[in-house]
Amino acid sequence: MTENDELALIRKKKFEELMRKQQEASTPKKTAVIEVFTSPTCPHCPRALEMAGMLAAQVPGIRVEEVSTGTPQGMAKAALYNVQAVPMVFVNGKKAFTGAPLTLGALHEAVKKMTA
């Protein structure tokens, strides 16, 4: 292989890599919003919120929102979502768990299922 052939091959590989990166950057990523409905007196709510935060730290594209039923805005949203107990976890507006998820893996599976 001549030096010109090697340079052409390197250029081709670099061009393909740049095109792939550009396509990845322009492709919209699926995102998930995890809403954790909590109450200030709930002993299980911190665990549910912590699990959602841990998953968001590990998986790009996940945003976590705490919705406290101790606020007027939280009460209104809880009524809209028909939240009867806390913690309650919603993914993209769909109920995923009543109570804290048993495992981080179970929460991850619910997120994958509800963003597919």
N, C-alpha and C. Protein backbone atom coordinates (compact mmCIF):
# COMPACT_ATOMS: atom_id res chain seq x y z
N MET A 1 0.86 -1.18 0.00
CA MET A 1 0.00 0.00 0.00
C MET A 1 0.89 1.23 0.00
N THR A 2 0.58 2.14 -0.89
CA THR A 2 1.40 3.35 -0.99
C THR A 2 0.99 4.35 0.08
N GLU A 3 1.82 5.35 0.22
CA GLU A 3 1.56 6.40 1.22
C GLU A 3 0.27 7.15 0.87
N ASN A 4 0.02 7.37 -0.41
CA ASN A 4 -1.21 8.05 -0.83
C ASN A 4 -2.44 7.21 -0.50
N ASP A 5 -2.34 5.89 -0.67
CA ASP A 5 -3.45 5.00 -0.35
C ASP A 5 -3.73 5.03 1.15
N GLU A 6 -2.66 5.04 1.95
CA GLU A 6 -2.83 5.09 3.40
C GLU A 6 -3.51 6.40 3.82
N LEU A 7 -3.07 7.50 3.23
CA LEU A 7 -3.67 8.80 3.55
C LEU A 7 -5.15 8.83 3.14
N ALA A 8 -5.46 8.26 1.99
CA ALA A 8 -6.85 8.23 1.53
C ALA A 8 -7.70 7.39 2.48
N LEU A 9 -7.16 6.29 2.95
CA LEU A 9 -7.89 5.43 3.89
C LEU A 9 -8.11 6.16 5.22
N ILE A 10 -7.11 6.84 5.71
CA ILE A 10 -7.24 7.61 6.96
C ILE A 10 -8.28 8.70 6.79
N ARG A 11 -8.25 9.42 5.67
CA ARG A 11 -9.23 10.47 5.41
C ARG A 11 -10.65 9.90 5.36
N LYS A 12 -10.79 8.77 4.70
CA LYS A 12 -12.10 8.14 4.59
C LYS A 12 -12.64 7.76 5.97
N LYS A 13 -11.79 7.14 6.80
CA LYS A 13 -12.22 6.74 8.15
C LYS A 13 -12.58 7.97 8.98
N LYS A 14 -11.79 9.04 8.89
CA LYS A 14 -12.09 10.26 9.63
C LYS A 14 -13.41 10.87 9.17
N PHE A 15 -13.63 10.87 7.86
CA PHE A 15 -14.87 11.42 7.32
C PHE A 15 -16.07 10.61 7.82
N GLU A 16 -15.96 9.29 7.79
CA GLU A 16 -17.05 8.43 8.27
C GLU A 16 -17.32 8.66 9.75
N GLU A 17 -16.25 8.82 10.53
CA GLU A 17 -16.41 9.08 11.96
C GLU A 17 -17.11 10.43 12.20
N LEU A 18 -16.70 11.45 11.46
CA LEU A 18 -17.34 12.76 11.60
C LEU A 18 -18.81 12.71 11.21
N MET A 19 -19.14 11.99 10.15
CA MET A 19 -20.53 11.87 9.71
C MET A 19 -21.37 11.14 10.76
N ARG A 20 -20.81 10.09 11.37
CA ARG A 20 -21.51 9.36 12.41
C ARG A 20 -21.76 10.25 13.63
N LYS A 21 -20.75 11.00 14.04
CA LYS A 21 -20.92 11.91 15.18
C LYS A 21 -21.95 12.99 14.88
N GLN A 22 -21.94 13.51 13.67
CA GLN A 22 -22.92 14.53 13.30
C GLN A 22 -24.33 13.95 13.32
N GLN A 23 -24.49 12.75 12.82
CA GLN A 23 -25.81 12.11 12.83
C GLN A 23 -26.28 11.85 14.25
N GLU A 24 -25.38 11.38 15.12
CA GLU A 24 -25.74 11.14 16.52
C GLU A 24 -26.17 12.44 17.20
N ALA A 25 -25.46 13.52 16.91
CA ALA A 25 -25.77 14.81 17.53
C ALA A 25 -27.11 15.36 17.05
N SER A 26 -27.46 15.07 15.81
CA SER A 26 -28.71 15.62 15.28
C SER A 26 -29.91 14.72 15.52
N THR A 27 -29.66 13.47 15.94
CA THR A 27 -30.75 12.55 16.22
C THR A 27 -31.32 12.86 17.59
N PRO A 28 -32.63 13.14 17.69
CA PRO A 28 -33.19 13.44 19.00
C PRO A 28 -33.10 12.22 19.92
N LYS A 29 -32.63 12.47 21.11
CA LYS A 29 -32.52 11.41 22.09
C LYS A 29 -33.84 11.29 22.84
N LYS A 30 -34.21 10.06 23.17
CA LYS A 30 -35.41 9.85 23.95
C LYS A 30 -35.14 10.30 25.37
N THR A 31 -36.04 11.09 25.89
CA THR A 31 -35.87 11.57 27.25
C THR A 31 -37.00 11.04 28.11
N ALA A 32 -36.74 11.02 29.38
CA ALA A 32 -37.76 10.57 30.32
C ALA A 32 -37.82 11.57 31.47
N VAL A 33 -39.03 11.85 31.89
CA VAL A 33 -39.24 12.67 33.06
C VAL A 33 -39.84 11.77 34.13
N ILE A 34 -39.12 11.62 35.22
CA ILE A 34 -39.61 10.85 36.35
C ILE A 34 -40.15 11.83 37.38
N GLU A 35 -41.44 11.73 37.66
CA GLU A 35 -42.06 12.57 38.67
C GLU A 35 -42.31 11.70 39.90
N VAL A 36 -41.80 12.13 41.04
CA VAL A 36 -41.98 11.40 42.27
C VAL A 36 -42.87 12.25 43.18
N PHE A 37 -44.09 11.77 43.42
CA PHE A 37 -45.01 12.48 44.31
C PHE A 37 -44.65 12.11 45.74
N THR A 38 -44.44 13.13 46.55
CA THR A 38 -43.99 12.93 47.93
C THR A 38 -44.86 13.72 48.89
N SER A 39 -44.66 13.39 50.15
CA SER A 39 -45.31 14.11 51.24
C SER A 39 -44.23 14.39 52.28
N PRO A 40 -44.30 15.54 52.95
CA PRO A 40 -43.27 15.86 53.94
C PRO A 40 -43.17 14.86 55.09
N THR A 41 -44.23 14.14 55.38
CA THR A 41 -44.21 13.21 56.52
C THR A 41 -44.03 11.75 56.11
N CYS A 42 -43.89 11.48 54.83
CA CYS A 42 -43.79 10.11 54.33
C CYS A 42 -42.40 9.51 54.60
N PRO A 43 -42.34 8.36 55.27
CA PRO A 43 -41.03 7.75 55.53
C PRO A 43 -40.41 7.05 54.31
N HIS A 44 -41.21 6.73 53.30
CA HIS A 44 -40.72 6.00 52.13
C HIS A 44 -40.39 6.91 50.95
N CYS A 45 -40.86 8.14 51.01
CA CYS A 45 -40.65 9.07 49.89
C CYS A 45 -39.18 9.40 49.62
N PRO A 46 -38.37 9.62 50.65
CA PRO A 46 -36.95 9.92 50.36
C PRO A 46 -36.27 8.80 49.57
N ARG A 47 -36.60 7.55 49.87
CA ARG A 47 -35.99 6.42 49.14
C ARG A 47 -36.40 6.44 47.67
N ALA A 48 -37.67 6.67 47.41
CA ALA A 48 -38.15 6.72 46.02
C ALA A 48 -37.47 7.85 45.26
N LEU A 49 -37.35 9.00 45.88
CA LEU A 49 -36.71 10.15 45.25
C LEU A 49 -35.22 9.89 45.03
N GLU A 50 -34.58 9.26 46.01
CA GLU A 50 -33.16 8.94 45.89
C GLU A 50 -32.91 7.96 44.74
N MET A 51 -33.77 6.96 44.62
CA MET A 51 -33.61 5.98 43.53
C MET A 51 -33.74 6.65 42.17
N ALA A 52 -34.72 7.55 42.04
CA ALA A 52 -34.90 8.25 40.78
C ALA A 52 -33.67 9.11 40.47
N GLY A 53 -33.13 9.76 41.49
CA GLY A 53 -31.92 10.56 41.30
C GLY A 53 -30.72 9.73 40.91
N MET A 54 -30.59 8.56 41.51
CA MET A 54 -29.48 7.66 41.17
C MET A 54 -29.58 7.21 39.72
N LEU A 55 -30.79 6.89 39.29
CA LEU A 55 -30.97 6.45 37.90
C LEU A 55 -30.65 7.59 36.94
N ALA A 56 -31.11 8.79 37.27
CA ALA A 56 -30.84 9.95 36.41
C ALA A 56 -29.34 10.23 36.32
N ALA A 57 -28.61 9.96 37.40
CA ALA A 57 -27.16 10.17 37.38
C ALA A 57 -26.45 9.13 36.51
N GLN A 58 -27.04 7.96 36.39
CA GLN A 58 -26.42 6.87 35.62
C GLN A 58 -26.82 6.84 34.16
N VAL A 59 -28.03 7.33 33.86
CA VAL A 59 -28.58 7.20 32.51
C VAL A 59 -28.84 8.60 31.93
N PRO A 60 -28.18 8.94 30.83
CA PRO A 60 -28.42 10.25 30.22
C PRO A 60 -29.87 10.37 29.72
N GLY A 61 -30.39 11.56 29.76
CA GLY A 61 -31.72 11.81 29.22
C GLY A 61 -32.84 11.62 30.21
N ILE A 62 -32.53 11.45 31.48
CA ILE A 62 -33.57 11.31 32.50
C ILE A 62 -33.55 12.54 33.39
N ARG A 63 -34.72 13.11 33.58
CA ARG A 63 -34.88 14.26 34.48
C ARG A 63 -35.82 13.85 35.59
N VAL A 64 -35.50 14.23 36.81
CA VAL A 64 -36.32 13.87 37.98
C VAL A 64 -36.95 15.13 38.54
N GLU A 65 -38.24 15.04 38.83
CA GLU A 65 -38.97 16.13 39.46
C GLU A 65 -39.67 15.61 40.70
N GLU A 66 -39.47 16.29 41.81
CA GLU A 66 -40.22 15.97 43.02
C GLU A 66 -41.47 16.82 43.03
N VAL A 67 -42.60 16.18 43.26
CA VAL A 67 -43.87 16.89 43.36
C VAL A 67 -44.37 16.68 44.79
N SER A 68 -44.22 17.70 45.61
CA SER A 68 -44.61 17.58 47.01
C SER A 68 -46.09 17.90 47.18
N THR A 69 -46.81 16.95 47.78
CA THR A 69 -48.23 17.18 48.04
C THR A 69 -48.42 18.12 49.22
N GLY A 70 -47.31 18.60 49.79
CA GLY A 70 -47.37 19.58 50.86
C GLY A 70 -47.47 21.01 50.34
N THR A 71 -47.51 21.18 49.02
CA THR A 71 -47.64 22.51 48.43
C THR A 71 -48.94 22.57 47.64
N PRO A 72 -49.50 23.77 47.47
CA PRO A 72 -50.73 23.88 46.67
C PRO A 72 -50.54 23.38 45.23
N GLN A 73 -49.38 23.68 44.64
CA GLN A 73 -49.13 23.22 43.27
C GLN A 73 -49.04 21.69 43.22
N GLY A 74 -48.39 21.11 44.22
CA GLY A 74 -48.26 19.65 44.28
C GLY A 74 -49.60 18.98 44.50
N MET A 75 -50.43 19.59 45.35
CA MET A 75 -51.78 19.04 45.59
C MET A 75 -52.60 19.07 44.30
N ALA A 76 -52.49 20.17 43.56
CA ALA A 76 -53.25 20.30 42.31
C ALA A 76 -52.80 19.25 41.29
N LYS A 77 -51.49 19.07 41.18
CA LYS A 77 -50.98 18.08 40.23
C LYS A 77 -51.34 16.67 40.68
N ALA A 78 -51.31 16.41 41.99
CA ALA A 78 -51.70 15.10 42.52
C ALA A 78 -53.16 14.82 42.20
N ALA A 79 -54.00 15.83 42.31
CA ALA A 79 -55.41 15.65 41.98
C ALA A 79 -55.57 15.36 40.48
N LEU A 80 -54.81 16.05 39.67
CA LEU A 80 -54.85 15.85 38.22
C LEU A 80 -54.43 14.43 37.84
N TYR A 81 -53.41 13.90 38.52
CA TYR A 81 -52.89 12.57 38.25
C TYR A 81 -53.62 11.49 39.05
N ASN A 82 -54.57 11.88 39.88
CA ASN A 82 -55.32 10.96 40.73
C ASN A 82 -54.40 10.19 41.68
N VAL A 83 -53.48 10.91 42.30
CA VAL A 83 -52.56 10.31 43.26
C VAL A 83 -53.31 10.13 44.57
N GLN A 84 -53.39 8.89 45.02
CA GLN A 84 -54.09 8.56 46.25
C GLN A 84 -53.14 8.24 47.40
N ALA A 85 -51.89 7.93 47.09
CA ALA A 85 -50.90 7.56 48.10
C ALA A 85 -49.53 8.05 47.65
N VAL A 86 -48.63 8.18 48.60
CA VAL A 86 -47.25 8.56 48.29
C VAL A 86 -46.31 7.56 48.94
N PRO A 87 -45.15 7.34 48.38
CA PRO A 87 -44.69 7.90 47.12
C PRO A 87 -45.40 7.24 45.94
N MET A 88 -45.55 7.99 44.90
CA MET A 88 -46.07 7.47 43.65
C MET A 88 -45.15 7.99 42.55
N VAL A 89 -44.73 7.11 41.66
CA VAL A 89 -43.75 7.44 40.63
C VAL A 89 -44.40 7.38 39.26
N PHE A 90 -44.26 8.46 38.52
CA PHE A 90 -44.76 8.53 37.15
C PHE A 90 -43.58 8.71 36.21
N VAL A 91 -43.67 8.09 35.04
CA VAL A 91 -42.66 8.26 34.00
C VAL A 91 -43.38 8.80 32.77
N ASN A 92 -42.98 9.98 32.35
CA ASN A 92 -43.60 10.65 31.21
C ASN A 92 -45.13 10.70 31.34
N GLY A 93 -45.59 11.00 32.55
CA GLY A 93 -47.02 11.17 32.79
C GLY A 93 -47.81 9.90 33.00
N LYS A 94 -47.13 8.74 32.99
CA LYS A 94 -47.82 7.45 33.19
C LYS A 94 -47.38 6.86 34.53
N LYS A 95 -48.34 6.34 35.29
CA LYS A 95 -48.01 5.76 36.59
C LYS A 95 -47.13 4.53 36.41
N ALA A 96 -46.00 4.55 37.11
CA ALA A 96 -45.07 3.43 37.05
C ALA A 96 -45.07 2.63 38.35
N PHE A 97 -45.15 3.32 39.49
CA PHE A 97 -45.10 2.65 40.79
C PHE A 97 -45.98 3.36 41.80
N THR A 98 -46.69 2.59 42.58
CA THR A 98 -47.29 3.09 43.81
C THR A 98 -46.39 2.57 44.91
N GLY A 99 -45.78 3.47 45.65
CA GLY A 99 -44.74 3.09 46.59
C GLY A 99 -43.39 3.23 45.91
N ALA A 100 -42.35 3.07 46.68
CA ALA A 100 -41.00 3.16 46.13
C ALA A 100 -40.72 1.92 45.29
N PRO A 101 -40.01 2.08 44.17
CA PRO A 101 -39.63 0.90 43.39
C PRO A 101 -38.80 -0.04 44.27
N LEU A 102 -38.95 -1.33 44.06
CA LEU A 102 -38.21 -2.30 44.88
C LEU A 102 -36.72 -2.25 44.61
N THR A 103 -36.36 -2.04 43.32
CA THR A 103 -34.94 -1.99 42.96
C THR A 103 -34.71 -0.90 41.93
N LEU A 104 -33.47 -0.50 41.82
CA LEU A 104 -33.10 0.47 40.79
C LEU A 104 -33.32 -0.13 39.41
N GLY A 105 -33.07 -1.43 39.28
CA GLY A 105 -33.30 -2.12 38.00
C GLY A 105 -34.76 -2.09 37.59
N ALA A 106 -35.66 -2.25 38.55
CA ALA A 106 -37.09 -2.21 38.24
C ALA A 106 -37.48 -0.82 37.74
N LEU A 107 -36.92 0.21 38.36
CA LEU A 107 -37.21 1.58 37.91
C LEU A 107 -36.66 1.80 36.51
N HIS A 108 -35.45 1.31 36.26
CA HIS A 108 -34.84 1.46 34.95
C HIS A 108 -35.67 0.76 33.88
N GLU A 109 -36.15 -0.43 34.17
CA GLU A 109 -36.99 -1.16 33.21
C GLU A 109 -38.29 -0.40 32.93
N ALA A 110 -38.89 0.18 33.95
CA ALA A 110 -40.11 0.95 33.76
C ALA A 110 -39.85 2.17 32.87
N VAL A 111 -38.71 2.81 33.07
CA VAL A 111 -38.36 3.98 32.25
C VAL A 111 -38.17 3.56 30.81
N LYS A 112 -37.44 2.46 30.60
CA LYS A 112 -37.20 1.98 29.23
C LYS A 112 -38.53 1.64 28.54
N LYS A 113 -39.40 0.97 29.26
CA LYS A 113 -40.69 0.56 28.70
C LYS A 113 -41.56 1.77 28.35
N MET A 114 -41.52 2.78 29.19
CA MET A 114 -42.41 3.92 29.00
C MET A 114 -41.82 5.00 28.10
N THR A 115 -40.60 4.82 27.63
CA THR A 115 -40.03 5.76 26.68
C THR A 115 -39.80 5.12 25.32
N ALA A 116 -40.14 3.85 25.19
CA ALA A 116 -39.92 3.13 23.92
C ALA A 116 -40.88 3.61 22.85
